[in-house]
Amino acid sequence: MAQQFRIKKGDTVCVISGKDKGKSGSVLKVLRQDNRLIVQGVNLVKKHQKQTFAQEGGVIQKESTIHISNVAHVDPVSKKPTRVGIKFLKDGRKVRIAKRSGETIES
């Protein structure tokens, strides 16, 4: 069974290790079984694309997956990497919070 991630599609994350350390981008896709993410503009690879009826061939650049342990959520207030926590509101809703500032993270 795949673990529960605190990073979701659409979140802004910062790369904290690897060749793209310091870059940030939006999460395009979460691959739960592999513990990996696809982040916009991060871990770009060149792929040789064969020509098809729908698209032309050539060398294209696209995002590859990155392990979830190599990224950190970006704090909505300070714009720095932060850990994510869970908090229950008085009305019973469960929300994600940024540990650095205590602000809620919009889903």
PDB file of N, CA and C in Angstrom:
ATOM      1  N   MET A   1       0.842  -1.192   0.000  1.00  0.00           N
ATOM      2  CA  MET A   1       0.000   0.000   0.000  1.00  0.00           C
ATOM      3  C   MET A   1       0.877   1.241   0.000  1.00  0.00           C
ATOM      4  N   ALA A   2       0.513   2.221  -0.799  1.00  0.00           N
ATOM      5  CA  ALA A   2       1.288   3.449  -0.898  1.00  0.00           C
ATOM      6  C   ALA A   2       1.039   4.328   0.324  1.00  0.00           C
ATOM      7  N   GLN A   3       2.098   5.008   0.743  1.00  0.00           N
ATOM      8  CA  GLN A   3       1.955   5.875   1.900  1.00  0.00           C
ATOM      9  C   GLN A   3       1.219   7.148   1.533  1.00  0.00           C
ATOM     10  N   GLN A   4       0.738   7.862   2.541  1.00  0.00           N
ATOM     11  CA  GLN A   4       0.022   9.105   2.306  1.00  0.00           C
ATOM     12  C   GLN A   4       1.032  10.241   2.193  1.00  0.00           C
ATOM     13  N   PHE A   5       0.954  10.997   1.101  1.00  0.00           N
ATOM     14  CA  PHE A   5       1.859  12.109   0.891  1.00  0.00           C
ATOM     15  C   PHE A   5       1.230  13.394   1.379  1.00  0.00           C
ATOM     16  N   ARG A   6       2.066  14.311   1.831  1.00  0.00           N
ATOM     17  CA  ARG A   6       1.579  15.619   2.236  1.00  0.00           C
ATOM     18  C   ARG A   6       1.802  16.646   1.139  1.00  0.00           C
ATOM     19  N   ILE A   7       2.299  16.184   0.008  1.00  0.00           N
ATOM     20  CA  ILE A   7       2.463  17.036  -1.169  1.00  0.00           C
ATOM     21  C   ILE A   7       1.472  16.557  -2.215  1.00  0.00           C
ATOM     22  N   LYS A   8       0.725  17.497  -2.778  1.00  0.00           N
ATOM     23  CA  LYS A   8      -0.324  17.153  -3.729  1.00  0.00           C
ATOM     24  C   LYS A   8      -0.094  17.870  -5.057  1.00  0.00           C
ATOM     25  N   LYS A   9      -0.838  17.455  -6.059  1.00  0.00           N
ATOM     26  CA  LYS A   9      -0.777  18.072  -7.376  1.00  0.00           C
ATOM     27  C   LYS A   9      -1.148  19.550  -7.257  1.00  0.00           C
ATOM     28  N   GLY A  10      -0.356  20.407  -7.891  1.00  0.00           N
ATOM     29  CA  GLY A  10      -0.617  21.839  -7.856  1.00  0.00           C
ATOM     30  C   GLY A  10       0.175  22.586  -6.798  1.00  0.00           C
ATOM     31  N   ASP A  11       0.777  21.874  -5.836  1.00  0.00           N
ATOM     32  CA  ASP A  11       1.582  22.518  -4.802  1.00  0.00           C
ATOM     33  C   ASP A  11       2.887  23.039  -5.393  1.00  0.00           C
ATOM     34  N   THR A  12       3.437  24.073  -4.777  1.00  0.00           N
ATOM     35  CA  THR A  12       4.742  24.589  -5.163  1.00  0.00           C
ATOM     36  C   THR A  12       5.784  23.960  -4.257  1.00  0.00           C
ATOM     37  N   VAL A  13       6.790  23.318  -4.883  1.00  0.00           N
ATOM     38  CA  VAL A  13       7.837  22.653  -4.116  1.00  0.00           C
ATOM     39  C   VAL A  13       9.198  23.166  -4.559  1.00  0.00           C
ATOM     40  N   CYS A  14      10.188  22.977  -3.680  1.00  0.00           N
ATOM     41  CA  CYS A  14      11.563  23.376  -3.934  1.00  0.00           C
ATOM     42  C   CYS A  14      12.430  22.128  -3.864  1.00  0.00           C
ATOM     43  N   VAL A  15      13.366  21.983  -4.783  1.00  0.00           N
ATOM     44  CA  VAL A  15      14.275  20.836  -4.788  1.00  0.00           C
ATOM     45  C   VAL A  15      15.367  21.099  -3.765  1.00  0.00           C
ATOM     46  N   ILE A  16      15.572  20.150  -2.829  1.00  0.00           N
ATOM     47  CA  ILE A  16      16.545  20.339  -1.760  1.00  0.00           C
ATOM     48  C   ILE A  16      17.807  19.516  -1.944  1.00  0.00           C
ATOM     49  N   SER A  17      17.841  18.603  -2.926  1.00  0.00           N
ATOM     50  CA  SER A  17      19.063  17.858  -3.206  1.00  0.00           C
ATOM     51  C   SER A  17      19.040  17.370  -4.645  1.00  0.00           C
ATOM     52  N   GLY A  18      20.226  17.111  -5.168  1.00  0.00           N
ATOM     53  CA  GLY A  18      20.347  16.630  -6.529  1.00  0.00           C
ATOM     54  C   GLY A  18      20.846  17.707  -7.474  1.00  0.00           C
ATOM     55  N   LYS A  19      20.842  17.404  -8.768  1.00  0.00           N
ATOM     56  CA  LYS A  19      21.408  18.321  -9.756  1.00  0.00           C
ATOM     57  C   LYS A  19      20.598  19.598  -9.915  1.00  0.00           C
ATOM     58  N   ASP A  20      19.328  19.577  -9.566  1.00  0.00           N
ATOM     59  CA  ASP A  20      18.470  20.755  -9.690  1.00  0.00           C
ATOM     60  C   ASP A  20      18.216  21.434  -8.350  1.00  0.00           C
ATOM     61  N   LYS A  21      19.138  21.278  -7.403  1.00  0.00           N
ATOM     62  CA  LYS A  21      18.970  21.853  -6.060  1.00  0.00           C
ATOM     63  C   LYS A  21      18.759  23.365  -6.144  1.00  0.00           C
ATOM     64  N   GLY A  22      17.738  23.855  -5.449  1.00  0.00           N
ATOM     65  CA  GLY A  22      17.423  25.274  -5.438  1.00  0.00           C
ATOM     66  C   GLY A  22      16.303  25.664  -6.393  1.00  0.00           C
ATOM     67  N   LYS A  23      16.017  24.832  -7.379  1.00  0.00           N
ATOM     68  CA  LYS A  23      14.939  25.143  -8.317  1.00  0.00           C
ATOM     69  C   LYS A  23      13.594  24.859  -7.659  1.00  0.00           C
ATOM     70  N   SER A  24      12.583  25.573  -8.098  1.00  0.00           N
ATOM     71  CA  SER A  24      11.234  25.319  -7.584  1.00  0.00           C
ATOM     72  C   SER A  24      10.259  25.289  -8.752  1.00  0.00           C
ATOM     73  N   GLY A  25       9.131  24.651  -8.514  1.00  0.00           N
ATOM     74  CA  GLY A  25       8.121  24.554  -9.543  1.00  0.00           C
ATOM     75  C   GLY A  25       6.850  23.939  -8.992  1.00  0.00           C
ATOM     76  N   SER A  26       5.859  23.858  -9.827  1.00  0.00           N
ATOM     77  CA  SER A  26       4.559  23.321  -9.451  1.00  0.00           C
ATOM     78  C   SER A  26       4.532  21.813  -9.713  1.00  0.00           C
ATOM     79  N   VAL A  27       3.873  21.062  -8.842  1.00  0.00           N
ATOM     80  CA  VAL A  27       3.769  19.620  -9.006  1.00  0.00           C
ATOM     81  C   VAL A  27       2.736  19.334 -10.087  1.00  0.00           C
ATOM     82  N   LEU A  28       3.170  18.623 -11.132  1.00  0.00           N
ATOM     83  CA  LEU A  28       2.275  18.275 -12.232  1.00  0.00           C
ATOM     84  C   LEU A  28       1.579  16.944 -11.998  1.00  0.00           C
ATOM     85  N   LYS A  29       2.300  15.989 -11.377  1.00  0.00           N
ATOM     86  CA  LYS A  29       1.749  14.651 -11.188  1.00  0.00           C
ATOM     87  C   LYS A  29       2.423  14.002  -9.993  1.00  0.00           C
ATOM     88  N   VAL A  30       1.664  13.218  -9.227  1.00  0.00           N
ATOM     89  CA  VAL A  30       2.181  12.464  -8.092  1.00  0.00           C
ATOM     90  C   VAL A  30       2.052  10.983  -8.419  1.00  0.00           C
ATOM     91  N   LEU A  31       3.175  10.285  -8.397  1.00  0.00           N
ATOM     92  CA  LEU A  31       3.200   8.843  -8.656  1.00  0.00           C
ATOM     93  C   LEU A  31       3.361   8.139  -7.307  1.00  0.00           C
ATOM     94  N   ARG A  32       2.251   7.787  -6.686  1.00  0.00           N
ATOM     95  CA  ARG A  32       2.247   7.273  -5.317  1.00  0.00           C
ATOM     96  C   ARG A  32       2.952   5.931  -5.179  1.00  0.00           C
ATOM     97  N   GLN A  33       2.801   5.032  -6.148  1.00  0.00           N
ATOM     98  CA  GLN A  33       3.402   3.700  -6.029  1.00  0.00           C
ATOM     99  C   GLN A  33       4.924   3.767  -6.056  1.00  0.00           C
ATOM    100  N   ASP A  34       5.482   4.747  -6.772  1.00  0.00           N
ATOM    101  CA  ASP A  34       6.925   4.869  -6.918  1.00  0.00           C
ATOM    102  C   ASP A  34       7.535   5.892  -5.968  1.00  0.00           C
ATOM    103  N   ASN A  35       6.731   6.582  -5.169  1.00  0.00           N
ATOM    104  CA  ASN A  35       7.185   7.655  -4.276  1.00  0.00           C
ATOM    105  C   ASN A  35       7.892   8.762  -5.060  1.00  0.00           C
ATOM    106  N   ARG A  36       7.342   9.125  -6.196  1.00  0.00           N
ATOM    107  CA  ARG A  36       7.985  10.105  -7.062  1.00  0.00           C
ATOM    108  C   ARG A  36       6.991  11.175  -7.517  1.00  0.00           C
ATOM    109  N   LEU A  37       7.537  12.305  -7.957  1.00  0.00           N
ATOM    110  CA  LEU A  37       6.744  13.433  -8.438  1.00  0.00           C
ATOM    111  C   LEU A  37       7.258  13.875  -9.795  1.00  0.00           C
ATOM    112  N   ILE A  38       6.413  14.546 -10.548  1.00  0.00           N
ATOM    113  CA  ILE A  38       6.851  15.264 -11.737  1.00  0.00           C
ATOM    114  C   ILE A  38       6.620  16.739 -11.433  1.00  0.00           C
ATOM    115  N   VAL A  39       7.716  17.523 -11.464  1.00  0.00           N
ATOM    116  CA  VAL A  39       7.673  18.938 -11.112  1.00  0.00           C
ATOM    117  C   VAL A  39       7.975  19.754 -12.360  1.00  0.00           C
ATOM    118  N   GLN A  40       7.204  20.802 -12.578  1.00  0.00           N
ATOM    119  CA  GLN A  40       7.336  21.630 -13.771  1.00  0.00           C
ATOM    120  C   GLN A  40       8.697  22.328 -13.794  1.00  0.00           C
ATOM    121  N   GLY A  41       9.452  22.119 -14.881  1.00  0.00           N
ATOM    122  CA  GLY A  41      10.736  22.787 -15.071  1.00  0.00           C
ATOM    123  C   GLY A  41      11.900  22.192 -14.301  1.00  0.00           C
ATOM    124  N   VAL A  42      11.705  21.029 -13.686  1.00  0.00           N
ATOM    125  CA  VAL A  42      12.751  20.407 -12.869  1.00  0.00           C
ATOM    126  C   VAL A  42      13.076  19.032 -13.437  1.00  0.00           C
ATOM    127  N   ASN A  43      14.348  18.649 -13.405  1.00  0.00           N
ATOM    128  CA  ASN A  43      14.832  17.347 -13.871  1.00  0.00           C
ATOM    129  C   ASN A  43      14.472  17.131 -15.347  1.00  0.00           C
ATOM    130  N   LEU A  44      14.862  18.099 -16.171  1.00  0.00           N
ATOM    131  CA  LEU A  44      14.569  18.028 -17.593  1.00  0.00           C
ATOM    132  C   LEU A  44      15.494  17.025 -18.275  1.00  0.00           C
ATOM    133  N   VAL A  45      14.922  16.185 -19.134  1.00  0.00           N
ATOM    134  CA  VAL A  45      15.684  15.209 -19.904  1.00  0.00           C
ATOM    135  C   VAL A  45      15.322  15.381 -21.372  1.00  0.00           C
ATOM    136  N   LYS A  46      16.248  14.959 -22.234  1.00  0.00           N
ATOM    137  CA  LYS A  46      15.989  15.020 -23.674  1.00  0.00           C
ATOM    138  C   LYS A  46      15.532  13.657 -24.138  1.00  0.00           C
ATOM    139  N   LYS A  47      14.476  13.645 -24.920  1.00  0.00           N
ATOM    140  CA  LYS A  47      13.890  12.394 -25.399  1.00  0.00           C
ATOM    141  C   LYS A  47      13.809  12.465 -26.920  1.00  0.00           C
ATOM    142  N   HIS A  48      14.246  11.404 -27.578  1.00  0.00           N
ATOM    143  CA  HIS A  48      14.159  11.324 -29.026  1.00  0.00           C
ATOM    144  C   HIS A  48      12.771  10.798 -29.383  1.00  0.00           C
ATOM    145  N   GLN A  49      11.967  11.664 -29.979  1.00  0.00           N
ATOM    146  CA  GLN A  49      10.572  11.369 -30.274  1.00  0.00           C
ATOM    147  C   GLN A  49      10.436  10.939 -31.729  1.00  0.00           C
ATOM    148  N   LYS A  50       9.830   9.798 -31.965  1.00  0.00           N
ATOM    149  CA  LYS A  50       9.576   9.336 -33.321  1.00  0.00           C
ATOM    150  C   LYS A  50       8.366  10.073 -33.879  1.00  0.00           C
ATOM    151  N   GLN A  51       8.405  10.368 -35.158  1.00  0.00           N
ATOM    152  CA  GLN A  51       7.305  11.093 -35.774  1.00  0.00           C
ATOM    153  C   GLN A  51       6.073  10.208 -35.864  1.00  0.00           C
ATOM    154  N   THR A  52       4.936  10.783 -35.496  1.00  0.00           N
ATOM    155  CA  THR A  52       3.658  10.097 -35.624  1.00  0.00           C
ATOM    156  C   THR A  52       2.718  10.978 -36.437  1.00  0.00           C
ATOM    157  N   PHE A  53       1.513  10.480 -36.642  1.00  0.00           N
ATOM    158  CA  PHE A  53       0.520  11.261 -37.381  1.00  0.00           C
ATOM    159  C   PHE A  53       0.152  12.533 -36.630  1.00  0.00           C
ATOM    160  N   ALA A  54       0.103  12.477 -35.315  1.00  0.00           N
ATOM    161  CA  ALA A  54      -0.345  13.605 -34.505  1.00  0.00           C
ATOM    162  C   ALA A  54       0.757  14.631 -34.244  1.00  0.00           C
ATOM    163  N   GLN A  55       2.028  14.196 -34.141  1.00  0.00           N
ATOM    164  CA  GLN A  55       3.100  15.132 -33.804  1.00  0.00           C
ATOM    165  C   GLN A  55       4.354  14.812 -34.598  1.00  0.00           C
ATOM    166  N   GLU A  56       5.182  15.848 -34.745  1.00  0.00           N
ATOM    167  CA  GLU A  56       6.406  15.661 -35.509  1.00  0.00           C
ATOM    168  C   GLU A  56       7.512  15.083 -34.627  1.00  0.00           C
ATOM    169  N   GLY A  57       8.502  14.495 -35.251  1.00  0.00           N
ATOM    170  CA  GLY A  57       9.590  13.874 -34.522  1.00  0.00           C
ATOM    171  C   GLY A  57      10.691  14.854 -34.197  1.00  0.00           C
ATOM    172  N   GLY A  58      11.698  14.362 -33.496  1.00  0.00           N
ATOM    173  CA  GLY A  58      12.838  15.189 -33.124  1.00  0.00           C
ATOM    174  C   GLY A  58      13.191  14.973 -31.673  1.00  0.00           C
ATOM    175  N   VAL A  59      14.105  15.800 -31.188  1.00  0.00           N
ATOM    176  CA  VAL A  59      14.534  15.726 -29.794  1.00  0.00           C
ATOM    177  C   VAL A  59      13.704  16.718 -29.004  1.00  0.00           C
ATOM    178  N   ILE A  60      12.964  16.212 -28.030  1.00  0.00           N
ATOM    179  CA  ILE A  60      12.134  17.082 -27.183  1.00  0.00           C
ATOM    180  C   ILE A  60      12.676  17.060 -25.759  1.00  0.00           C
ATOM    181  N   GLN A  61      12.383  18.110 -25.025  1.00  0.00           N
ATOM    182  CA  GLN A  61      12.804  18.199 -23.636  1.00  0.00           C
ATOM    183  C   GLN A  61      11.557  18.108 -22.768  1.00  0.00           C
ATOM    184  N   LYS A  62      11.592  17.211 -21.781  1.00  0.00           N
ATOM    185  CA  LYS A  62      10.430  17.039 -20.914  1.00  0.00           C
ATOM    186  C   LYS A  62      10.888  16.773 -19.489  1.00  0.00           C
ATOM    187  N   GLU A  63       9.959  16.928 -18.553  1.00  0.00           N
ATOM    188  CA  GLU A  63      10.260  16.706 -17.145  1.00  0.00           C
ATOM    189  C   GLU A  63      10.271  15.217 -16.845  1.00  0.00           C
ATOM    190  N   SER A  64      11.237  14.791 -16.049  1.00  0.00           N
ATOM    191  CA  SER A  64      11.301  13.419 -15.579  1.00  0.00           C
ATOM    192  C   SER A  64      10.922  13.406 -14.100  1.00  0.00           C
ATOM    193  N   THR A  65      10.762  12.206 -13.554  1.00  0.00           N
ATOM    194  CA  THR A  65      10.325  12.113 -12.161  1.00  0.00           C
ATOM    195  C   THR A  65      11.473  12.424 -11.211  1.00  0.00           C
ATOM    196  N   ILE A  66      11.125  12.847 -10.019  1.00  0.00           N
ATOM    197  CA  ILE A  66      12.077  13.119  -8.952  1.00  0.00           C
ATOM    198  C   ILE A  66      11.518  12.496  -7.683  1.00  0.00           C
ATOM    199  N   HIS A  67      12.395  11.942  -6.850  1.00  0.00           N
ATOM    200  CA  HIS A  67      11.929  11.272  -5.634  1.00  0.00           C
ATOM    201  C   HIS A  67      11.361  12.298  -4.662  1.00  0.00           C
ATOM    202  N   ILE A  68      10.323  11.904  -3.952  1.00  0.00           N
ATOM    203  CA  ILE A  68       9.623  12.835  -3.055  1.00  0.00           C
ATOM    204  C   ILE A  68      10.505  13.306  -1.897  1.00  0.00           C
ATOM    205  N   SER A  69      11.529  12.521  -1.541  1.00  0.00           N
ATOM    206  CA  SER A  69      12.411  12.923  -0.444  1.00  0.00           C
ATOM    207  C   SER A  69      13.356  14.040  -0.864  1.00  0.00           C
ATOM    208  N   ASN A  70      13.466  14.312  -2.152  1.00  0.00           N
ATOM    209  CA  ASN A  70      14.371  15.351  -2.642  1.00  0.00           C
ATOM    210  C   ASN A  70      13.691  16.701  -2.814  1.00  0.00           C
ATOM    211  N   VAL A  71      12.430  16.808  -2.420  1.00  0.00           N
ATOM    212  CA  VAL A  71      11.718  18.079  -2.530  1.00  0.00           C
ATOM    213  C   VAL A  71      11.117  18.457  -1.178  1.00  0.00           C
ATOM    214  N   ALA A  72      10.912  19.757  -1.004  1.00  0.00           N
ATOM    215  CA  ALA A  72      10.253  20.275   0.193  1.00  0.00           C
ATOM    216  C   ALA A  72       9.203  21.281  -0.248  1.00  0.00           C
ATOM    217  N   HIS A  73       8.134  21.347   0.500  1.00  0.00           N
ATOM    218  CA  HIS A  73       7.057  22.284   0.210  1.00  0.00           C
ATOM    219  C   HIS A  73       7.558  23.708   0.427  1.00  0.00           C
ATOM    220  N   VAL A  74       7.062  24.661  -0.363  1.00  0.00           N
ATOM    221  CA  VAL A  74       7.446  26.060  -0.224  1.00  0.00           C
ATOM    222  C   VAL A  74       6.440  26.750   0.689  1.00  0.00           C
ATOM    223  N   ASP A  75       6.967  27.435   1.717  1.00  0.00           N
ATOM    224  CA  ASP A  75       6.132  28.158   2.682  1.00  0.00           C
ATOM    225  C   ASP A  75       5.396  29.289   1.969  1.00  0.00           C
ATOM    226  N   PRO A  76       4.068  29.421   2.157  1.00  0.00           N
ATOM    227  CA  PRO A  76       3.320  30.473   1.471  1.00  0.00           C
ATOM    228  C   PRO A  76       3.695  31.887   1.928  1.00  0.00           C
ATOM    229  N   VAL A  77       4.276  32.027   3.125  1.00  0.00           N
ATOM    230  CA  VAL A  77       4.614  33.349   3.640  1.00  0.00           C
ATOM    231  C   VAL A  77       6.057  33.731   3.307  1.00  0.00           C
ATOM    232  N   SER A  78       7.016  32.896   3.720  1.00  0.00           N
ATOM    233  CA  SER A  78       8.433  33.247   3.558  1.00  0.00           C
ATOM    234  C   SER A  78       9.040  32.770   2.249  1.00  0.00           C
ATOM    235  N   LYS A  79       8.321  31.948   1.482  1.00  0.00           N
ATOM    236  CA  LYS A  79       8.794  31.398   0.207  1.00  0.00           C
ATOM    237  C   LYS A  79      10.072  30.574   0.362  1.00  0.00           C
ATOM    238  N   LYS A  80      10.285  29.975   1.532  1.00  0.00           N
ATOM    239  CA  LYS A  80      11.422  29.100   1.790  1.00  0.00           C
ATOM    240  C   LYS A  80      10.919  27.677   2.007  1.00  0.00           C
ATOM    241  N   PRO A  81      11.796  26.664   1.864  1.00  0.00           N
ATOM    242  CA  PRO A  81      11.362  25.281   2.088  1.00  0.00           C
ATOM    243  C   PRO A  81      10.894  25.055   3.515  1.00  0.00           C
ATOM    244  N   THR A  82       9.852  24.258   3.666  1.00  0.00           N
ATOM    245  CA  THR A  82       9.296  23.974   4.985  1.00  0.00           C
ATOM    246  C   THR A  82       8.751  22.558   5.025  1.00  0.00           C
ATOM    247  N   ARG A  83       8.567  22.062   6.232  1.00  0.00           N
ATOM    248  CA  ARG A  83       7.902  20.784   6.398  1.00  0.00           C
ATOM    249  C   ARG A  83       6.400  21.026   6.477  1.00  0.00           C
ATOM    250  N   VAL A  84       5.636  19.983   6.242  1.00  0.00           N
ATOM    251  CA  VAL A  84       4.181  20.097   6.227  1.00  0.00           C
ATOM    252  C   VAL A  84       3.616  19.308   7.402  1.00  0.00           C
ATOM    253  N   GLY A  85       2.687  19.922   8.133  1.00  0.00           N
ATOM    254  CA  GLY A  85       2.017  19.263   9.239  1.00  0.00           C
ATOM    255  C   GLY A  85       0.515  19.211   8.988  1.00  0.00           C
ATOM    256  N   ILE A  86      -0.169  18.474   9.845  1.00  0.00           N
ATOM    257  CA  ILE A  86      -1.619  18.339   9.751  1.00  0.00           C
ATOM    258  C   ILE A  86      -2.237  18.960  10.996  1.00  0.00           C
ATOM    259  N   LYS A  87      -3.355  19.670  10.796  1.00  0.00           N
ATOM    260  CA  LYS A  87      -4.044  20.317  11.918  1.00  0.00           C
ATOM    261  C   LYS A  87      -5.540  20.148  11.717  1.00  0.00           C
ATOM    262  N   PHE A  88      -6.246  19.894  12.805  1.00  0.00           N
ATOM    263  CA  PHE A  88      -7.702  19.791  12.762  1.00  0.00           C
ATOM    264  C   PHE A  88      -8.300  21.105  13.229  1.00  0.00           C
ATOM    265  N   LEU A  89      -9.202  21.654  12.427  1.00  0.00           N
ATOM    266  CA  LEU A  89      -9.866  22.904  12.793  1.00  0.00           C
ATOM    267  C   LEU A  89     -11.032  22.621  13.730  1.00  0.00           C
ATOM    268  N   LYS A  90     -11.598  23.676  14.304  1.00  0.00           N
ATOM    269  CA  LYS A  90     -12.704  23.526  15.250  1.00  0.00           C
ATOM    270  C   LYS A  90     -13.947  22.925  14.600  1.00  0.00           C
ATOM    271  N   ASP A  91     -14.130  23.181  13.303  1.00  0.00           N
ATOM    272  CA  ASP A  91     -15.289  22.619  12.622  1.00  0.00           C
ATOM    273  C   ASP A  91     -15.062  21.184  12.152  1.00  0.00           C
ATOM    274  N   GLY A  92     -13.914  20.597  12.492  1.00  0.00           N
ATOM    275  CA  GLY A  92     -13.657  19.202  12.187  1.00  0.00           C
ATOM    276  C   GLY A  92     -12.882  18.948  10.910  1.00  0.00           C
ATOM    277  N   ARG A  93     -12.596  20.000  10.136  1.00  0.00           N
ATOM    278  CA  ARG A  93     -11.843  19.819   8.893  1.00  0.00           C
ATOM    279  C   ARG A  93     -10.368  19.581   9.185  1.00  0.00           C
ATOM    280  N   LYS A  94      -9.726  18.800   8.335  1.00  0.00           N
ATOM    281  CA  LYS A  94      -8.304  18.537   8.452  1.00  0.00           C
ATOM    282  C   LYS A  94      -7.587  19.357   7.386  1.00  0.00           C
ATOM    283  N   VAL A  95      -6.630  20.185   7.794  1.00  0.00           N
ATOM    284  CA  VAL A  95      -5.907  21.037   6.860  1.00  0.00           C
ATOM    285  C   VAL A  95      -4.405  20.817   7.015  1.00  0.00           C
ATOM    286  N   ARG A  96      -3.674  21.124   5.938  1.00  0.00           N
ATOM    287  CA  ARG A  96      -2.219  21.068   5.981  1.00  0.00           C
ATOM    288  C   ARG A  96      -1.683  22.426   6.403  1.00  0.00           C
ATOM    289  N   ILE A  97      -0.650  22.433   7.238  1.00  0.00           N
ATOM    290  CA  ILE A  97      -0.044  23.684   7.678  1.00  0.00           C
ATOM    291  C   ILE A  97       1.457  23.644   7.388  1.00  0.00           C
ATOM    292  N   ALA A  98       2.038  24.823   7.183  1.00  0.00           N
ATOM    293  CA  ALA A  98       3.478  24.955   7.008  1.00  0.00           C
ATOM    294  C   ALA A  98       4.103  25.074   8.391  1.00  0.00           C
ATOM    295  N   LYS A  99       5.059  24.205   8.691  1.00  0.00           N
ATOM    296  CA  LYS A  99       5.689  24.208  10.012  1.00  0.00           C
ATOM    297  C   LYS A  99       6.484  25.484  10.256  1.00  0.00           C
ATOM    298  N   ARG A 100       7.044  26.100   9.207  1.00  0.00           N
ATOM    299  CA  ARG A 100       7.871  27.285   9.365  1.00  0.00           C
ATOM    300  C   ARG A 100       7.073  28.492   9.863  1.00  0.00           C
ATOM    301  N   SER A 101       5.889  28.722   9.244  1.00  0.00           N
ATOM    302  CA  SER A 101       5.118  29.917   9.581  1.00  0.00           C
ATOM    303  C   SER A 101       3.820  29.618  10.302  1.00  0.00           C
ATOM    304  N   GLY A 102       3.325  28.369  10.224  1.00  0.00           N
ATOM    305  CA  GLY A 102       2.059  28.025  10.841  1.00  0.00           C
ATOM    306  C   GLY A 102       0.851  28.328   9.976  1.00  0.00           C
ATOM    307  N   GLU A 103       1.067  28.835   8.764  1.00  0.00           N
ATOM    308  CA  GLU A 103      -0.022  29.170   7.861  1.00  0.00           C
ATOM    309  C   GLU A 103      -0.603  27.908   7.235  1.00  0.00           C
ATOM    310  N   THR A 104      -1.900  27.961   6.902  1.00  0.00           N
ATOM    311  CA  THR A 104      -2.511  26.825   6.226  1.00  0.00           C
ATOM    312  C   THR A 104      -2.116  26.819   4.761  1.00  0.00           C
ATOM    313  N   ILE A 105      -1.992  25.620   4.197  1.00  0.00           N
ATOM    314  CA  ILE A 105      -1.640  25.446   2.794  1.00  0.00           C
ATOM    315  C   ILE A 105      -2.918  25.157   2.038  1.00  0.00           C
ATOM    316  N   GLU A 106      -3.210  25.999   1.055  1.00  0.00           N
ATOM    317  CA  GLU A 106      -4.439  25.845   0.281  1.00  0.00           C
ATOM    318  C   GLU A 106      -4.315  24.638  -0.632  1.00  0.00           C
ATOM    319  N   SER A 107      -5.350  23.812  -0.697  1.00  0.00           N
ATOM    320  CA  SER A 107      -5.330  22.621  -1.539  1.00  0.00           C
ATOM    321  C   SER A 107      -5.871  22.907  -2.908  1.00  0.00           C
TER     322      SER A 107
END
